[in-house]
Amino acid sequence: KISVEMRAVNNKFCEMNFRLPRLFNPFEDRLRKSF
């Protein structure tokens, strides 16, 4: 089972922070571009 949660607060710019299992590290850049 894979679960993805997104939470956002105010910021002047776009700041994307990921917390993910090591298994998904290779996919972080893909997710970042998508978001």
Full PDB file with SEQRES, HELIX, SHEET, SSBOND, CRYST1, ORIGX, SCALE, CONECT and MASTER records, all heavy atoms in Angstrom:
SEQRES   1 A   35  LYS ILE SER VAL GLU MET ARG ALA VAL ASN ASN LYS PHE          
SEQRES   2 A   35  CYS GLU MET ASN PHE ARG LEU PRO ARG LEU PHE ASN PRO          
SEQRES   3 A   35  PHE GLU ASP ARG LEU ARG LYS SER PHE                          
HELIX    1 AA1 ARG A   22  PHE A   27  5                                   6    
HELIX    2 AA2 GLU A   28  SER A   34  1                                   7    
CRYST1    1.000    1.000    1.000  90.00  90.00  90.00 P 1           1          
ORIGX1      1.000000  0.000000  0.000000        0.00000                         
ORIGX2      0.000000  1.000000  0.000000        0.00000                         
ORIGX3      0.000000  0.000000  1.000000        0.00000                         
SCALE1      1.000000  0.000000  0.000000        0.00000                         
SCALE2      0.000000  1.000000  0.000000        0.00000                         
SCALE3      0.000000  0.000000  1.000000        0.00000                         
ATOM      1  N   LYS A   1       0.838  -1.201   0.000  1.00  0.00           N  
ATOM      2  CA  LYS A   1       0.000   0.000   0.000  1.00  0.00           C  
ATOM      3  C   LYS A   1       0.868   1.245   0.000  1.00  0.00           C  
ATOM      4  O   LYS A   1       1.749   1.401   0.844  1.00  0.00           O  
ATOM      5  CB  LYS A   1      -0.901  -0.011   1.240  1.00  0.00           C  
ATOM      6  CG  LYS A   1      -1.812   1.187   1.381  1.00  0.00           C  
ATOM      7  CD  LYS A   1      -2.649   1.049   2.641  1.00  0.00           C  
ATOM      8  CE  LYS A   1      -3.545   2.256   2.864  1.00  0.00           C  
ATOM      9  NZ  LYS A   1      -4.330   2.131   4.125  1.00  0.00           N  
ATOM     10  N   ILE A   2       0.610   2.124  -0.976  1.00  0.00           N  
ATOM     11  CA  ILE A   2       1.340   3.388  -1.090  1.00  0.00           C  
ATOM     12  C   ILE A   2       0.402   4.526  -0.701  1.00  0.00           C  
ATOM     13  O   ILE A   2      -0.718   4.611  -1.201  1.00  0.00           O  
ATOM     14  CB  ILE A   2       1.856   3.626  -2.522  1.00  0.00           C  
ATOM     15  CG1 ILE A   2       2.768   2.479  -2.959  1.00  0.00           C  
ATOM     16  CG2 ILE A   2       2.599   4.959  -2.603  1.00  0.00           C  
ATOM     17  CD1 ILE A   2       3.162   2.548  -4.423  1.00  0.00           C  
ATOM     18  N   SER A   3       0.861   5.400   0.188  1.00  0.00           N  
ATOM     19  CA  SER A   3       0.072   6.556   0.605  1.00  0.00           C  
ATOM     20  C   SER A   3       0.867   7.830   0.364  1.00  0.00           C  
ATOM     21  O   SER A   3       2.055   7.904   0.705  1.00  0.00           O  
ATOM     22  CB  SER A   3      -0.288   6.434   2.095  1.00  0.00           C  
ATOM     23  OG  SER A   3      -0.977   7.590   2.546  1.00  0.00           O  
ATOM     24  N   VAL A   4       0.218   8.842  -0.233  1.00  0.00           N  
ATOM     25  CA  VAL A   4       0.849  10.134  -0.505  1.00  0.00           C  
ATOM     26  C   VAL A   4      -0.010  11.233   0.112  1.00  0.00           C  
ATOM     27  O   VAL A   4      -1.201  11.329  -0.176  1.00  0.00           O  
ATOM     28  CB  VAL A   4       1.010  10.389  -2.017  1.00  0.00           C  
ATOM     29  CG1 VAL A   4       1.626  11.777  -2.256  1.00  0.00           C  
ATOM     30  CG2 VAL A   4       1.874   9.314  -2.659  1.00  0.00           C  
ATOM     31  N   GLU A   5       0.592  12.056   0.965  1.00  0.00           N  
ATOM     32  CA  GLU A   5      -0.101  13.193   1.580  1.00  0.00           C  
ATOM     33  C   GLU A   5       0.626  14.481   1.227  1.00  0.00           C  
ATOM     34  O   GLU A   5       1.853  14.526   1.244  1.00  0.00           O  
ATOM     35  CB  GLU A   5      -0.151  13.049   3.097  1.00  0.00           C  
ATOM     36  CG  GLU A   5      -1.056  11.951   3.596  1.00  0.00           C  
ATOM     37  CD  GLU A   5      -1.190  11.975   5.114  1.00  0.00           C  
ATOM     38  OE1 GLU A   5      -1.748  12.952   5.650  1.00  0.00           O  
ATOM     39  OE2 GLU A   5      -0.710  11.022   5.752  1.00  0.00           O  
ATOM     40  N   MET A   6      -0.153  15.526   0.933  1.00  0.00           N  
ATOM     41  CA  MET A   6       0.396  16.844   0.618  1.00  0.00           C  
ATOM     42  C   MET A   6      -0.213  17.878   1.555  1.00  0.00           C  
ATOM     43  O   MET A   6      -1.429  17.937   1.719  1.00  0.00           O  
ATOM     44  CB  MET A   6       0.092  17.234  -0.830  1.00  0.00           C  
ATOM     45  CG  MET A   6       0.636  16.293  -1.871  1.00  0.00           C  
ATOM     46  SD  MET A   6       0.170  16.792  -3.551  1.00  0.00           S  
ATOM     47  CE  MET A   6       1.033  18.374  -3.718  1.00  0.00           C  
ATOM     48  N   ARG A   7       0.634  18.690   2.168  1.00  0.00           N  
ATOM     49  CA  ARG A   7       0.186  19.794   3.028  1.00  0.00           C  
ATOM     50  C   ARG A   7       0.937  21.052   2.606  1.00  0.00           C  
ATOM     51  O   ARG A   7       2.134  20.991   2.337  1.00  0.00           O  
ATOM     52  CB  ARG A   7       0.464  19.504   4.503  1.00  0.00           C  
ATOM     53  CG  ARG A   7      -0.138  18.218   5.032  1.00  0.00           C  
ATOM     54  CD  ARG A   7       0.318  17.957   6.470  1.00  0.00           C  
ATOM     55  NE  ARG A   7      -0.126  16.669   6.944  1.00  0.00           N  
ATOM     56  CZ  ARG A   7      -1.294  16.453   7.572  1.00  0.00           C  
ATOM     57  NH1 ARG A   7      -2.100  17.478   7.786  1.00  0.00           N  
ATOM     58  NH2 ARG A   7      -1.620  15.249   7.993  1.00  0.00           N  
ATOM     59  N   ALA A   8       0.248  22.190   2.575  1.00  0.00           N  
ATOM     60  CA  ALA A   8       0.899  23.430   2.146  1.00  0.00           C  
ATOM     61  C   ALA A   8       0.535  24.591   3.048  1.00  0.00           C  
ATOM     62  O   ALA A   8      -0.585  24.680   3.557  1.00  0.00           O  
ATOM     63  CB  ALA A   8       0.519  23.759   0.704  1.00  0.00           C  
ATOM     64  N   VAL A   9       1.496  25.486   3.239  1.00  0.00           N  
ATOM     65  CA  VAL A   9       1.289  26.747   3.945  1.00  0.00           C  
ATOM     66  C   VAL A   9       1.863  27.867   3.076  1.00  0.00           C  
ATOM     67  O   VAL A   9       2.477  27.619   2.050  1.00  0.00           O  
ATOM     68  CB  VAL A   9       1.962  26.745   5.335  1.00  0.00           C  
ATOM     69  CG1 VAL A   9       1.307  25.727   6.249  1.00  0.00           C  
ATOM     70  CG2 VAL A   9       3.455  26.453   5.212  1.00  0.00           C  
ATOM     71  N   ASN A  10       1.664  29.102   3.509  1.00  0.00           N  
ATOM     72  CA  ASN A  10       2.079  30.257   2.713  1.00  0.00           C  
ATOM     73  C   ASN A  10       3.595  30.339   2.552  1.00  0.00           C  
ATOM     74  O   ASN A  10       4.356  30.021   3.457  1.00  0.00           O  
ATOM     75  CB  ASN A  10       1.592  31.554   3.363  1.00  0.00           C  
ATOM     76  CG  ASN A  10       0.082  31.632   3.426  1.00  0.00           C  
ATOM     77  OD1 ASN A  10      -0.614  30.766   2.901  1.00  0.00           O  
ATOM     78  ND2 ASN A  10      -0.438  32.651   4.069  1.00  0.00           N  
ATOM     79  N   ASN A  11       3.998  30.782   1.373  1.00  0.00           N  
ATOM     80  CA  ASN A  11       5.410  31.032   1.096  1.00  0.00           C  
ATOM     81  C   ASN A  11       5.478  31.906  -0.151  1.00  0.00           C  
ATOM     82  O   ASN A  11       4.665  31.780  -1.054  1.00  0.00           O  
ATOM     83  CB  ASN A  11       6.159  29.714   0.852  1.00  0.00           C  
ATOM     84  CG  ASN A  11       7.658  29.878   0.994  1.00  0.00           C  
ATOM     85  OD1 ASN A  11       8.253  30.816   0.490  1.00  0.00           O  
ATOM     86  ND2 ASN A  11       8.286  28.949   1.686  1.00  0.00           N  
ATOM     87  N   LYS A  12       6.454  32.821  -0.193  1.00  0.00           N  
ATOM     88  CA  LYS A  12       6.585  33.701  -1.352  1.00  0.00           C  
ATOM     89  C   LYS A  12       6.916  32.923  -2.622  1.00  0.00           C  
ATOM     90  O   LYS A  12       6.568  33.338  -3.730  1.00  0.00           O  
ATOM     91  CB  LYS A  12       7.673  34.751  -1.106  1.00  0.00           C  
ATOM     92  CG  LYS A  12       7.289  35.822  -0.092  1.00  0.00           C  
ATOM     93  CD  LYS A  12       8.386  36.872   0.015  1.00  0.00           C  
ATOM     94  CE  LYS A  12       7.981  37.976   0.992  1.00  0.00           C  
ATOM     95  NZ  LYS A  12       9.035  39.020   1.103  1.00  0.00           N  
ATOM     96  N   PHE A  13       7.606  31.799  -2.444  1.00  0.00           N  
ATOM     97  CA  PHE A  13       8.024  31.014  -3.606  1.00  0.00           C  
ATOM     98  C   PHE A  13       7.459  29.604  -3.482  1.00  0.00           C  
ATOM     99  O   PHE A  13       6.719  29.298  -2.550  1.00  0.00           O  
ATOM    100  CB  PHE A  13       9.555  30.992  -3.695  1.00  0.00           C  
ATOM    101  CG  PHE A  13      10.182  32.350  -3.651  1.00  0.00           C  
ATOM    102  CD1 PHE A  13      10.744  32.832  -2.471  1.00  0.00           C  
ATOM    103  CD2 PHE A  13      10.185  33.161  -4.772  1.00  0.00           C  
ATOM    104  CE1 PHE A  13      11.309  34.098  -2.418  1.00  0.00           C  
ATOM    105  CE2 PHE A  13      10.749  34.434  -4.729  1.00  0.00           C  
ATOM    106  CZ  PHE A  13      11.311  34.907  -3.551  1.00  0.00           C  
ATOM    107  N   CYS A  14       7.822  28.745  -4.415  1.00  0.00           N  
ATOM    108  CA  CYS A  14       7.397  27.353  -4.360  1.00  0.00           C  
ATOM    109  C   CYS A  14       8.516  26.523  -3.736  1.00  0.00           C  
ATOM    110  O   CYS A  14       9.599  26.405  -4.311  1.00  0.00           O  
ATOM    111  CB  CYS A  14       7.056  26.829  -5.758  1.00  0.00           C  
ATOM    112  SG  CYS A  14       6.465  25.123  -5.745  1.00  0.00           S  
ATOM    113  N   GLU A  15       8.245  25.987  -2.570  1.00  0.00           N  
ATOM    114  CA  GLU A  15       9.228  25.161  -1.873  1.00  0.00           C  
ATOM    115  C   GLU A  15       8.627  23.780  -1.646  1.00  0.00           C  
ATOM    116  O   GLU A  15       7.643  23.630  -0.914  1.00  0.00           O  
ATOM    117  CB  GLU A  15       9.605  25.804  -0.541  1.00  0.00           C  
ATOM    118  CG  GLU A  15      10.637  25.014   0.255  1.00  0.00           C  
ATOM    119  CD  GLU A  15      10.933  25.641   1.604  1.00  0.00           C  
ATOM    120  OE1 GLU A  15      10.673  26.852   1.765  1.00  0.00           O  
ATOM    121  OE2 GLU A  15      11.404  24.921   2.497  1.00  0.00           O  
ATOM    122  N   MET A  16       9.206  22.772  -2.285  1.00  0.00           N  
ATOM    123  CA  MET A  16       8.684  21.411  -2.226  1.00  0.00           C  
ATOM    124  C   MET A  16       9.618  20.540  -1.382  1.00  0.00           C  
ATOM    125  O   MET A  16      10.798  20.402  -1.696  1.00  0.00           O  
ATOM    126  CB  MET A  16       8.565  20.848  -3.635  1.00  0.00           C  
ATOM    127  CG  MET A  16       7.618  19.683  -3.774  1.00  0.00           C  
ATOM    128  SD  MET A  16       5.871  20.156  -3.866  1.00  0.00           S  
ATOM    129  CE  MET A  16       5.831  21.140  -5.369  1.00  0.00           C  
ATOM    130  N   ASN A  17       9.086  19.961  -0.294  1.00  0.00           N  
ATOM    131  CA  ASN A  17       9.877  19.106   0.587  1.00  0.00           C  
ATOM    132  C   ASN A  17       9.283  17.699   0.619  1.00  0.00           C  
ATOM    133  O   ASN A  17       8.079  17.533   0.840  1.00  0.00           O  
ATOM    134  CB  ASN A  17       9.905  19.679   2.006  1.00  0.00           C  
ATOM    135  CG  ASN A  17      10.457  21.091   2.043  1.00  0.00           C  
ATOM    136  OD1 ASN A  17      11.591  21.331   1.650  1.00  0.00           O  
ATOM    137  ND2 ASN A  17       9.653  22.038   2.499  1.00  0.00           N  
ATOM    138  N   PHE A  18      10.143  16.693   0.396  1.00  0.00           N  
ATOM    139  CA  PHE A  18       9.681  15.308   0.344  1.00  0.00           C  
ATOM    140  C   PHE A  18      10.211  14.503   1.523  1.00  0.00           C  
ATOM    141  O   PHE A  18      11.376  14.634   1.915  1.00  0.00           O  
ATOM    142  CB  PHE A  18      10.148  14.641  -0.952  1.00  0.00           C  
ATOM    143  CG  PHE A  18       9.405  15.100  -2.176  1.00  0.00           C  
ATOM    144  CD1 PHE A  18       9.808  16.238  -2.861  1.00  0.00           C  
ATOM    145  CD2 PHE A  18       8.307  14.393  -2.641  1.00  0.00           C  
ATOM    146  CE1 PHE A  18       9.129  16.673  -3.977  1.00  0.00           C  
ATOM    147  CE2 PHE A  18       7.622  14.820  -3.760  1.00  0.00           C  
ATOM    148  CZ  PHE A  18       8.023  15.960  -4.436  1.00  0.00           C  
ATOM    149  N   ARG A  19       9.345  13.681   2.074  1.00  0.00           N  
ATOM    150  CA  ARG A  19       9.738  12.672   3.049  1.00  0.00           C  
ATOM    151  C   ARG A  19       9.220  11.342   2.515  1.00  0.00           C  
ATOM    152  O   ARG A  19       8.001  11.123   2.457  1.00  0.00           O  
ATOM    153  CB  ARG A  19       9.142  12.964   4.423  1.00  0.00           C  
ATOM    154  CG  ARG A  19       9.698  14.233   5.059  1.00  0.00           C  
ATOM    155  CD  ARG A  19       9.159  14.422   6.463  1.00  0.00           C  
ATOM    156  NE  ARG A  19       9.625  15.672   7.052  1.00  0.00           N  
ATOM    157  CZ  ARG A  19       9.288  16.095   8.270  1.00  0.00           C  
ATOM    158  NH1 ARG A  19       8.467  15.355   9.007  1.00  0.00           N  
ATOM    159  NH2 ARG A  19       9.739  17.233   8.740  1.00  0.00           N  
ATOM    160  N   LEU A  20      10.127  10.479   2.130  1.00  0.00           N  
ATOM    161  CA  LEU A  20       9.720   9.248   1.460  1.00  0.00           C  
ATOM    162  C   LEU A  20      10.650   8.102   1.819  1.00  0.00           C  
ATOM    163  O   LEU A  20      11.822   8.320   2.163  1.00  0.00           O  
ATOM    164  CB  LEU A  20       9.689   9.452  -0.050  1.00  0.00           C  
ATOM    165  CG  LEU A  20      10.981   9.699  -0.818  1.00  0.00           C  
ATOM    166  CD1 LEU A  20      10.698   9.646  -2.315  1.00  0.00           C  
ATOM    167  CD2 LEU A  20      11.625  11.031  -0.509  1.00  0.00           C  
ATOM    168  N   PRO A  21      10.172   6.872   1.736  1.00  0.00           N  
ATOM    169  CA  PRO A  21      11.026   5.720   1.995  1.00  0.00           C  
ATOM    170  C   PRO A  21      12.159   5.649   0.978  1.00  0.00           C  
ATOM    171  O   PRO A  21      12.031   6.125  -0.153  1.00  0.00           O  
ATOM    172  CB  PRO A  21      10.065   4.528   1.830  1.00  0.00           C  
ATOM    173  CG  PRO A  21       8.697   5.104   1.960  1.00  0.00           C  
ATOM    174  CD  PRO A  21       8.786   6.495   1.429  1.00  0.00           C  
ATOM    175  N   ARG A  22      13.272   5.040   1.387  1.00  0.00           N  
ATOM    176  CA  ARG A  22      14.416   4.936   0.499  1.00  0.00           C  
ATOM    177  C   ARG A  22      14.063   4.242  -0.809  1.00  0.00           C  
ATOM    178  O   ARG A  22      14.625   4.544  -1.866  1.00  0.00           O  
ATOM    179  CB  ARG A  22      15.542   4.186   1.214  1.00  0.00           C  
ATOM    180  CG  ARG A  22      16.849   4.187   0.453  1.00  0.00           C  
ATOM    181  CD  ARG A  22      17.965   3.641   1.303  1.00  0.00           C  
ATOM    182  NE  ARG A  22      17.659   2.303   1.789  1.00  0.00           N  
ATOM    183  CZ  ARG A  22      18.399   1.655   2.682  1.00  0.00           C  
ATOM    184  NH1 ARG A  22      19.457   2.254   3.214  1.00  0.00           N  
ATOM    185  NH2 ARG A  22      18.075   0.444   3.069  1.00  0.00           N  
ATOM    186  N   LEU A  23      13.102   3.338  -0.741  1.00  0.00           N  
ATOM    187  CA  LEU A  23      12.678   2.603  -1.926  1.00  0.00           C  
ATOM    188  C   LEU A  23      12.223   3.524  -3.046  1.00  0.00           C  
ATOM    189  O   LEU A  23      12.378   3.211  -4.229  1.00  0.00           O  
ATOM    190  CB  LEU A  23      11.541   1.643  -1.542  1.00  0.00           C  
ATOM    191  CG  LEU A  23      10.907   0.769  -2.638  1.00  0.00           C  
ATOM    192  CD1 LEU A  23      11.933  -0.233  -3.149  1.00  0.00           C  
ATOM    193  CD2 LEU A  23       9.673   0.061  -2.096  1.00  0.00           C  
ATOM    194  N   PHE A  24      11.672   4.722  -2.669  1.00  0.00           N  
ATOM    195  CA  PHE A  24      11.110   5.643  -3.660  1.00  0.00           C  
ATOM    196  C   PHE A  24      12.053   6.789  -4.015  1.00  0.00           C  
ATOM    197  O   PHE A  24      11.674   7.683  -4.766  1.00  0.00           O  
ATOM    198  CB  PHE A  24       9.784   6.211  -3.148  1.00  0.00           C  
ATOM    199  CG  PHE A  24       8.696   5.194  -3.017  1.00  0.00           C  
ATOM    200  CD1 PHE A  24       8.318   4.720  -1.776  1.00  0.00           C  
ATOM    201  CD2 PHE A  24       8.057   4.692  -4.139  1.00  0.00           C  
ATOM    202  CE1 PHE A  24       7.323   3.772  -1.652  1.00  0.00           C  
ATOM    203  CE2 PHE A  24       7.053   3.748  -4.022  1.00  0.00           C  
ATOM    204  CZ  PHE A  24       6.687   3.282  -2.770  1.00  0.00           C  
ATOM    205  N   ASN A  25      13.252   6.790  -3.477  1.00  0.00           N  
ATOM    206  CA  ASN A  25      14.204   7.868  -3.774  1.00  0.00           C  
ATOM    207  C   ASN A  25      14.410   8.108  -5.270  1.00  0.00           C  
ATOM    208  O   ASN A  25      14.503   9.265  -5.708  1.00  0.00           O  
ATOM    209  CB  ASN A  25      15.554   7.595  -3.107  1.00  0.00           C  
ATOM    210  CG  ASN A  25      15.546   7.944  -1.630  1.00  0.00           C  
ATOM    211  OD1 ASN A  25      14.660   8.654  -1.156  1.00  0.00           O  
ATOM    212  ND2 ASN A  25      16.518   7.449  -0.885  1.00  0.00           N  
ATOM    213  N   PRO A  26      14.497   7.065  -6.093  1.00  0.00           N  
ATOM    214  CA  PRO A  26      14.722   7.298  -7.528  1.00  0.00           C  
ATOM    215  C   PRO A  26      13.594   8.062  -8.215  1.00  0.00           C  
ATOM    216  O   PRO A  26      13.783   8.586  -9.319  1.00  0.00           O  
ATOM    217  CB  PRO A  26      14.836   5.870  -8.099  1.00  0.00           C  
ATOM    218  CG  PRO A  26      15.214   5.021  -6.949  1.00  0.00           C  
ATOM    219  CD  PRO A  26      14.527   5.626  -5.763  1.00  0.00           C  
ATOM    220  N   PHE A  27      12.416   8.124  -7.556  1.00  0.00           N  
ATOM    221  CA  PHE A  27      11.261   8.756  -8.197  1.00  0.00           C  
ATOM    222  C   PHE A  27      11.015  10.191  -7.727  1.00  0.00           C  
ATOM    223  O   PHE A  27      10.068  10.846  -8.168  1.00  0.00           O  
ATOM    224  CB  PHE A  27       9.996   7.932  -7.926  1.00  0.00           C  
ATOM    225  CG  PHE A  27      10.109   6.494  -8.314  1.00  0.00           C  
ATOM    226  CD1 PHE A  27       9.838   5.487  -7.400  1.00  0.00           C  
ATOM    227  CD2 PHE A  27      10.490   6.139  -9.597  1.00  0.00           C  
ATOM    228  CE1 PHE A  27       9.937   4.151  -7.755  1.00  0.00           C  
ATOM    229  CE2 PHE A  27      10.589   4.806  -9.974  1.00  0.00           C  
ATOM    230  CZ  PHE A  27      10.318   3.806  -9.045  1.00  0.00           C  
ATOM    231  N   GLU A  28      11.861  10.699  -6.814  1.00  0.00           N  
ATOM    232  CA  GLU A  28      11.607  12.027  -6.251  1.00  0.00           C  
ATOM    233  C   GLU A  28      11.604  13.117  -7.320  1.00  0.00           C  
ATOM    234  O   GLU A  28      10.732  13.993  -7.329  1.00  0.00           O  
ATOM    235  CB  GLU A  28      12.640  12.361  -5.174  1.00  0.00           C  
ATOM    236  CG  GLU A  28      12.399  13.733  -4.541  1.00  0.00           C  
ATOM    237  CD  GLU A  28      13.367  14.056  -3.418  1.00  0.00           C  
ATOM    238  OE1 GLU A  28      13.933  13.113  -2.821  1.00  0.00           O  
ATOM    239  OE2 GLU A  28      13.565  15.264  -3.153  1.00  0.00           O  
ATOM    240  N   ASP A  29      12.571  13.090  -8.237  1.00  0.00           N  
ATOM    241  CA  ASP A  29      12.641  14.123  -9.270  1.00  0.00           C  
ATOM    242  C   ASP A  29      11.406  14.098 -10.164  1.00  0.00           C  
ATOM    243  O   ASP A  29      10.891  15.155 -10.563  1.00  0.00           O  
ATOM    244  CB  ASP A  29      13.903  13.940 -10.125  1.00  0.00           C  
ATOM    245  CG  ASP A  29      15.160  14.383  -9.391  1.00  0.00           C  
ATOM    246  OD1 ASP A  29      15.018  15.113  -8.386  1.00  0.00           O  
ATOM    247  OD2 ASP A  29      16.261  13.994  -9.810  1.00  0.00           O  
ATOM    248  N   ARG A  30      10.913  12.920 -10.487  1.00  0.00           N  
ATOM    249  CA  ARG A  30       9.703  12.816 -11.314  1.00  0.00           C  
ATOM    250  C   ARG A  30       8.508  13.438 -10.600  1.00  0.00           C  
ATOM    251  O   ARG A  30       7.725  14.188 -11.200  1.00  0.00           O  
ATOM    252  CB  ARG A  30       9.383  11.351 -11.623  1.00  0.00           C  
ATOM    253  CG  ARG A  30      10.422  10.616 -12.450  1.00  0.00           C  
ATOM    254  CD  ARG A  30       9.816   9.298 -12.938  1.00  0.00           C  
ATOM    255  NE  ARG A  30      10.820   8.287 -13.219  1.00  0.00           N  
ATOM    256  CZ  ARG A  30      10.541   7.056 -13.624  1.00  0.00           C  
ATOM    257  NH1 ARG A  30       9.278   6.683 -13.778  1.00  0.00           N  
ATOM    258  NH2 ARG A  30      11.507   6.186 -13.864  1.00  0.00           N  
ATOM    259  N   LEU A  31       8.373  13.115  -9.310  1.00  0.00           N  
ATOM    260  CA  LEU A  31       7.268  13.681  -8.538  1.00  0.00           C  
ATOM    261  C   LEU A  31       7.377  15.193  -8.431  1.00  0.00           C  
ATOM    262  O   LEU A  31       6.398  15.924  -8.555  1.00  0.00           O  
ATOM    263  CB  LEU A  31       7.241  13.077  -7.135  1.00  0.00           C  
ATOM    264  CG  LEU A  31       6.692  11.655  -6.988  1.00  0.00           C  
ATOM    265  CD1 LEU A  31       6.789  11.211  -5.537  1.00  0.00           C  
ATOM    266  CD2 LEU A  31       5.259  11.569  -7.470  1.00  0.00           C  
ATOM    267  N   ARG A  32       8.593  15.670  -8.199  1.00  0.00           N  
ATOM    268  CA  ARG A  32       8.804  17.116  -8.068  1.00  0.00           C  
ATOM    269  C   ARG A  32       8.375  17.851  -9.331  1.00  0.00           C  
ATOM    270  O   ARG A  32       7.708  18.887  -9.270  1.00  0.00           O  
ATOM    271  CB  ARG A  32      10.272  17.390  -7.745  1.00  0.00           C  
ATOM    272  CG  ARG A  32      10.573  18.838  -7.363  1.00  0.00           C  
ATOM    273  CD  ARG A  32      12.054  19.013  -7.050  1.00  0.00           C  
ATOM    274  NE  ARG A  32      12.474  18.208  -5.913  1.00  0.00           N  
ATOM    275  CZ  ARG A  32      12.315  18.582  -4.644  1.00  0.00           C  
ATOM    276  NH1 ARG A  32      11.756  19.755  -4.366  1.00  0.00           N  
ATOM    277  NH2 ARG A  32      12.735  17.812  -3.663  1.00  0.00           N  
ATOM    278  N   LYS A  33       8.758  17.333 -10.478  1.00  0.00           N  
ATOM    279  CA  LYS A  33       8.372  17.955 -11.747  1.00  0.00           C  
ATOM    280  C   LYS A  33       6.864  17.923 -11.937  1.00  0.00           C  
ATOM    281  O   LYS A  33       6.257  18.893 -12.408  1.00  0.00           O  
ATOM    282  CB  LYS A  33       9.070  17.259 -12.909  1.00  0.00           C  
ATOM    283  CG  LYS A  33      10.570  17.512 -12.977  1.00  0.00           C  
ATOM    284  CD  LYS A  33      11.210  16.738 -14.120  1.00  0.00           C  
ATOM    285  CE  LYS A  33      12.725  16.971 -14.162  1.00  0.00           C  
ATOM    286  NZ  LYS A  33      13.374  16.182 -15.243  1.00  0.00           N  
ATOM    287  N   SER A  34       6.251  16.804 -11.584  1.00  0.00           N  
ATOM    288  CA  SER A  34       4.806  16.674 -11.724  1.00  0.00           C  
ATOM    289  C   SER A  34       4.073  17.677 -10.842  1.00  0.00           C  
ATOM    290  O   SER A  34       3.139  18.352 -11.290  1.00  0.00           O  
ATOM    291  CB  SER A  34       4.380  15.252 -11.356  1.00  0.00           C  
ATOM    292  OG  SER A  34       2.977  15.116 -11.391  1.00  0.00           O  
ATOM    293  N   PHE A  35       4.500  17.828  -9.595  1.00  0.00           N  
ATOM    294  CA  PHE A  35       3.836  18.747  -8.671  1.00  0.00           C  
ATOM    295  C   PHE A  35       4.122  20.211  -9.041  1.00  0.00           C  
ATOM    296  O   PHE A  35       3.240  21.060  -8.956  1.00  0.00           O  
ATOM    297  CB  PHE A  35       4.292  18.475  -7.237  1.00  0.00           C  
ATOM    298  CG  PHE A  35       3.779  17.174  -6.672  1.00  0.00           C  
ATOM    299  CD1 PHE A  35       4.400  16.599  -5.578  1.00  0.00           C  
ATOM    300  CD2 PHE A  35       2.694  16.525  -7.227  1.00  0.00           C  
ATOM    301  CE1 PHE A  35       3.940  15.399  -5.052  1.00  0.00           C  
ATOM    302  CE2 PHE A  35       2.221  15.327  -6.718  1.00  0.00           C  
ATOM    303  CZ  PHE A  35       2.854  14.756  -5.619  1.00  0.00           C  
TER     304      PHE A  35                                                      
MASTER        0    0    0    2    0    0    0    6  303    1    0    3          
END                                                                             
